[in-house]
Protein backbone atom coordinates (compact mmCIF):
# COMPACT_ATOMS: atom_id res chain seq x y z
CA UNK A 1 -68.27 96.11 32.91
CA UNK A 2 -65.84 95.57 35.72
CA UNK A 3 -68.42 95.40 38.47
CA UNK A 4 -70.30 92.59 36.58
CA UNK A 5 -67.21 90.72 35.91
CA UNK A 6 -66.19 91.04 39.49
CA UNK A 7 -69.65 90.06 40.63
CA UNK A 8 -69.47 86.77 38.62
CA UNK A 9 -65.94 86.01 39.79
CA UNK A 10 -66.67 86.61 43.54
CA UNK A 11 -70.13 84.59 43.35
CA UNK A 12 -68.57 81.57 41.92
CA UNK A 13 -65.08 81.86 43.33
CA UNK A 14 -63.42 82.06 39.92
CA UNK A 15 -60.01 82.39 38.63
CA UNK A 16 -60.10 84.71 35.84
CA UNK A 17 -56.50 84.15 34.84
CA UNK A 18 -57.29 80.56 33.45
CA UNK A 19 -57.69 80.05 29.78
CA UNK A 20 -61.01 80.07 27.99
CA UNK A 21 -63.62 78.85 28.33
CA UNK A 22 -63.67 79.36 32.11
CA UNK A 23 -66.04 76.80 33.79
CA UNK A 24 -68.57 78.27 36.16
CA UNK A 25 -70.26 75.88 38.55
CA UNK A 26 -73.86 77.15 37.77
CA UNK A 27 -76.87 75.97 35.90
CA UNK A 28 -79.27 78.07 33.87
CA UNK A 29 -82.16 76.37 35.51
CA UNK A 30 -81.37 76.71 39.18
CA UNK A 31 -79.20 79.88 39.74
CA UNK A 32 -79.16 81.91 36.42
CA UNK A 33 -82.26 83.80 37.32
CA UNK A 34 -81.09 84.66 40.87
CA UNK A 35 -77.85 85.93 39.55
CA UNK A 36 -79.69 88.32 36.90
CA UNK A 37 -82.02 89.37 39.61
CA UNK A 38 -78.96 90.12 42.06
CA UNK A 39 -77.51 92.08 39.36
CA UNK A 40 -80.45 94.28 39.14
CA UNK A 41 -80.97 93.59 35.38
CA UNK A 42 -84.24 95.02 33.90
CA UNK A 43 -84.30 94.33 30.19
CA UNK A 44 -83.60 91.16 28.48
CA UNK A 45 -84.30 89.41 25.03
CA UNK A 46 -84.42 85.59 24.58
CA UNK A 47 -83.75 84.55 20.90
CA UNK A 48 -85.20 81.22 20.16
CA UNK A 49 -88.00 80.41 22.69
CA UNK A 50 -89.65 77.19 21.59
CA UNK A 51 -92.13 76.05 24.25
CA UNK A 52 -90.89 78.89 26.71
CA UNK A 53 -89.75 76.78 29.69
CA UNK A 54 -86.60 78.65 29.99
CA UNK A 55 -88.08 82.29 29.93
CA UNK A 56 -90.80 81.07 32.32
CA UNK A 57 -87.86 79.84 34.85
CA UNK A 58 -85.97 83.19 34.50
CA UNK A 59 -89.23 85.35 34.76
CA UNK A 60 -90.15 83.93 38.04
CA UNK A 61 -86.59 84.27 39.72
CA UNK A 62 -86.05 87.81 38.05
CA UNK A 63 -89.65 89.31 38.37
CA UNK A 64 -88.36 92.81 37.73
CA UNK A 65 -86.68 91.97 34.42
CA UNK A 66 -88.76 92.71 31.27
CA UNK A 67 -88.13 89.69 28.82
CA UNK A 68 -88.97 89.77 25.21
CA UNK A 69 -88.97 86.38 23.62
CA UNK A 70 -88.15 86.24 20.01
CA UNK A 71 -89.15 83.24 17.66
CA UNK A 72 -90.66 82.66 14.25
CA UNK A 73 -92.22 79.42 15.39
CA UNK A 74 -92.14 78.33 11.67
CA UNK A 75 -90.58 75.37 10.18
CA UNK A 76 -88.35 76.15 7.02
CA UNK A 77 -86.22 74.15 4.57
CA UNK A 78 -83.01 72.49 6.18
CA UNK A 79 -84.13 73.12 9.76
CA UNK A 80 -83.24 70.18 11.82
CA UNK A 81 -83.80 70.99 15.37
CA UNK A 82 -87.28 69.86 15.81
CA UNK A 83 -89.64 67.60 13.47
CA UNK A 84 -91.57 69.55 10.75
CA UNK A 85 -94.88 71.12 12.25
CA UNK A 86 -93.65 70.88 15.84
CA UNK A 87 -92.69 74.55 16.20
CA UNK A 88 -96.27 75.65 15.03
CA UNK A 89 -98.33 72.92 16.54
CA UNK A 90 -96.48 72.38 19.92
CA UNK A 91 -93.93 75.09 20.76
CA UNK A 92 -96.10 78.31 20.00
CA UNK A 93 -99.22 77.29 21.94
CA UNK A 94 -97.17 76.21 25.00
CA UNK A 95 -95.02 79.49 24.86
CA UNK A 96 -98.18 81.51 24.68
CA UNK A 97 -99.53 79.61 27.65
CA UNK A 98 -96.44 80.12 29.79
CA UNK A 99 -96.11 83.82 28.75
CA UNK A 100 -99.83 84.39 30.05
CA UNK A 101 -98.52 83.40 33.56
CA UNK A 102 -95.59 85.75 33.37
CA UNK A 103 -96.50 89.43 33.49
CA UNK A 104 -92.88 90.56 32.85
CA UNK A 105 -92.66 88.41 29.32
CA UNK A 106 -93.76 89.64 26.01
CA UNK A 107 -93.50 87.38 22.98
CA UNK A 108 -92.73 88.63 19.47
CA UNK A 109 -93.40 86.11 16.53
CA UNK A 110 -90.93 87.03 13.66
CA UNK A 111 -87.58 86.18 12.34
CA UNK A 112 -84.51 87.08 14.31
CA UNK A 113 -83.10 89.15 11.28
CA UNK A 114 -86.34 91.19 11.20
CA UNK A 115 -86.85 91.87 14.92
CA UNK A 116 -83.17 92.71 15.77
CA UNK A 117 -83.37 96.04 13.87
CA UNK A 118 -86.27 97.16 16.20
CA UNK A 119 -84.12 96.88 19.26
CA UNK A 120 -82.02 99.90 20.24
CA UNK A 121 -78.16 99.03 20.53
CA UNK A 122 -77.04 99.14 24.09
CA UNK A 123 -80.46 98.87 25.48
CA UNK A 124 -80.49 95.41 27.04
CA UNK A 125 -79.05 94.07 30.23
CA UNK A 126 -78.96 90.38 29.17
CA UNK A 127 -79.40 88.45 25.84
CA UNK A 128 -79.92 84.81 25.47
CA UNK A 129 -79.51 82.98 22.10
CA UNK A 130 -80.95 79.53 21.57
CA UNK A 131 -82.32 79.46 18.09
CA UNK A 132 -80.99 77.61 15.03
CA UNK A 133 -77.88 76.02 16.05
CA UNK A 134 -75.97 75.69 12.57
CA UNK A 135 -72.71 77.46 12.37
CA UNK A 136 -74.10 80.01 9.94
CA UNK A 137 -77.12 80.96 11.74
CA UNK A 138 -75.63 81.01 15.18
CA UNK A 139 -72.96 83.44 13.77
CA UNK A 140 -75.59 85.49 12.27
CA UNK A 141 -77.74 85.76 15.39
CA UNK A 142 -74.60 86.89 17.60
CA UNK A 143 -73.76 89.33 15.06
CA UNK A 144 -77.28 90.82 14.94
CA UNK A 145 -77.86 90.79 18.73
CA UNK A 146 -74.78 91.27 20.56
CA UNK A 147 -74.59 95.00 20.09
CA UNK A 148 -78.16 95.43 21.76
CA UNK A 149 -76.43 94.66 24.97
CA UNK A 150 -74.83 97.68 27.10
CA UNK A 151 -71.39 97.64 28.52
CA UNK A 152 -71.50 95.57 31.68
CA UNK A 153 -74.61 93.49 30.42
CA UNK A 154 -74.34 89.76 29.64
CA UNK A 155 -74.34 88.08 26.18
CA UNK A 156 -75.21 84.33 26.60
CA UNK A 157 -76.36 81.40 24.45
CA UNK A 158 -77.00 77.83 24.55
CA UNK A 159 -75.60 74.52 23.49
CA UNK A 160 -71.79 75.18 23.63
CA UNK A 161 -70.71 71.65 22.91
CA UNK A 162 -69.47 69.47 19.69
CA UNK A 163 -72.15 67.10 18.41
CA UNK A 164 -69.15 64.69 17.33
CA UNK A 165 -69.41 63.51 20.97
CA UNK A 166 -72.91 63.18 21.13
CA UNK A 167 -74.31 60.43 18.55
CA UNK A 168 -77.89 61.30 19.05
CA UNK A 169 -77.21 64.95 17.91
CA UNK A 170 -74.71 64.43 15.05
CA UNK A 171 -77.22 64.86 12.47
CA UNK A 172 -78.22 68.30 13.65
CA UNK A 173 -75.16 69.93 12.35
CA UNK A 174 -74.45 71.99 15.37
CA UNK A 175 -72.08 74.90 14.95
CA UNK A 176 -72.27 76.85 18.03
CA UNK A 177 -68.69 76.36 19.40
CA UNK A 178 -67.06 77.42 16.17
CA UNK A 179 -69.38 80.56 15.95
CA UNK A 180 -68.78 81.56 19.39
CA UNK A 181 -65.25 80.98 19.35
CA UNK A 182 -64.64 83.10 16.03
CA UNK A 183 -66.66 85.89 17.57
CA UNK A 184 -64.67 85.86 20.76
CA UNK A 185 -61.54 86.08 18.88
CA UNK A 186 -62.63 88.62 16.16
CA UNK A 187 -64.17 90.88 18.93
CA UNK A 188 -61.01 90.59 21.30
CA UNK A 189 -63.35 89.27 24.19
CA UNK A 190 -61.20 88.58 27.23
CA UNK A 191 -63.18 86.05 29.28
CA UNK A 192 -65.49 83.47 27.83
CA UNK A 193 -67.49 81.42 30.31
CA UNK A 194 -69.30 78.25 30.13
CA UNK A 195 -71.70 76.74 32.83
CA UNK A 196 -71.89 73.22 34.26
CA UNK A 197 -75.16 72.16 32.49
CA UNK A 198 -75.10 69.05 30.36
CA UNK A 199 -75.77 71.24 27.45
CA UNK A 200 -73.60 74.09 28.59
CA UNK A 201 -74.39 77.78 27.98
CA UNK A 202 -71.60 80.15 26.98
CA UNK A 203 -71.53 83.82 27.89
CA UNK A 204 -69.23 86.97 28.39
CA UNK A 205 -69.68 90.45 29.83
CA UNK A 206 -70.15 93.14 27.22
CA UNK A 207 -67.11 95.40 27.19
CA UNK A 208 -64.67 92.79 28.62
CA UNK A 209 -62.12 93.28 25.87
CA UNK A 210 -58.50 92.28 25.80
CA UNK A 211 -55.95 95.15 26.11
CA UNK A 212 -53.73 95.77 23.16
């Protein structure tokens, strides 16, 4: 755990004594894949794939990391992120096409809660959560998947922001910030990081726990 934490602090010249969330001058699109590759990570899961643009970016920069993309690609009641039918007609075909060009990517079509039990605890180096963004669903996904990451691995998710500040997104009922902050507090996680993207990612190093 300490090696990964120090690697991140050194790479981005961070002061780990500052309050959470600690801002990291990085982007998930330009340098995250390089960081994961430099850490030597080998196994990853992305929960919430949609069109597959993100796993494609990471797969090319971390070619030795096996990525499993989990998504139901099925519209359901109260789902607001994309229009009805978009997941099935647009998202899934594009994800399949992108995965075909990435030998280190495997897609699993299924609900998060059904796929999570098939993954062994502590078996992943890296986890990325970008599925349903409501408080309830985000909280559930973190609870289902965080334990799959080994100590020293990275637990990460997308869209750590309040929609009240973004009129176009207010109707989506995002609850990522609340879900993540509660999890960090409940688990005693010492350092929570967010990157500098317009739609920031949140992350922490597994095992980075506050001392009693």
